[in-house]
Amino acid sequence: LSVGNILHVEVCEANGLRAADPWGTSDPYCKVTLGSNTQSTSVKTKTLSPQWNQSFTFPMEDVTVTTVAFQLWDSDLRSSDDLLGECSYDISALLLGIASEVTLPVSTQYSRDEVENSGQLKVVFRIVQP
C-alpha cells in the first residue's frame, strides 16, 4: 500500500439481511468507511437482498489505515435508521491493479456476548495508481 494510490470499492449486493420493518422487509443502504472518509450507497426499498453495484473511490492518504468498514442500515422516514449489521476487510494484502472479490459475513453485536449473523455482503476491491 502506498500513499497517493486510489482504492476502488464496488459494493455489489447483500443477502440474508434481517427484516427491520414490521412487514418483514428492510430498506437497506450501506455506508463504506476508510479512515475519516465515509460514502453511502443508495437506498433499496422493501428487500432483504439488495443489489447496489455502486462504486466508490477513496484516496489512500495514510498507509496505516488498512481496514475498510461497512455498516448496513435500514432507512426509516419517520424515525432514526436501524443498524442491520456490520463487517470489515483488511486491504493490506491487496495487490496493485488486481481486482479482489470478497463475500463478507455481516453481523450485529447486541452486547459484548451476543453477536448475530445478519447476512452477507459482496464487495470488489481494487487499488490503482492515480
Foldseek 3Di string as FASTA:
>chain_A
DDQQKKKKKWFFKWAQFFAPDPVGFFFKKKWKDFDPDIDIFDTHPGHRIDGGRDMDMDGRHDPVGFKIKMWMWGDDDPDDIHTRFIWMDGRPPADAADKDKDKTFTWDDPDPPDIGTGTITIMIMHIYHD
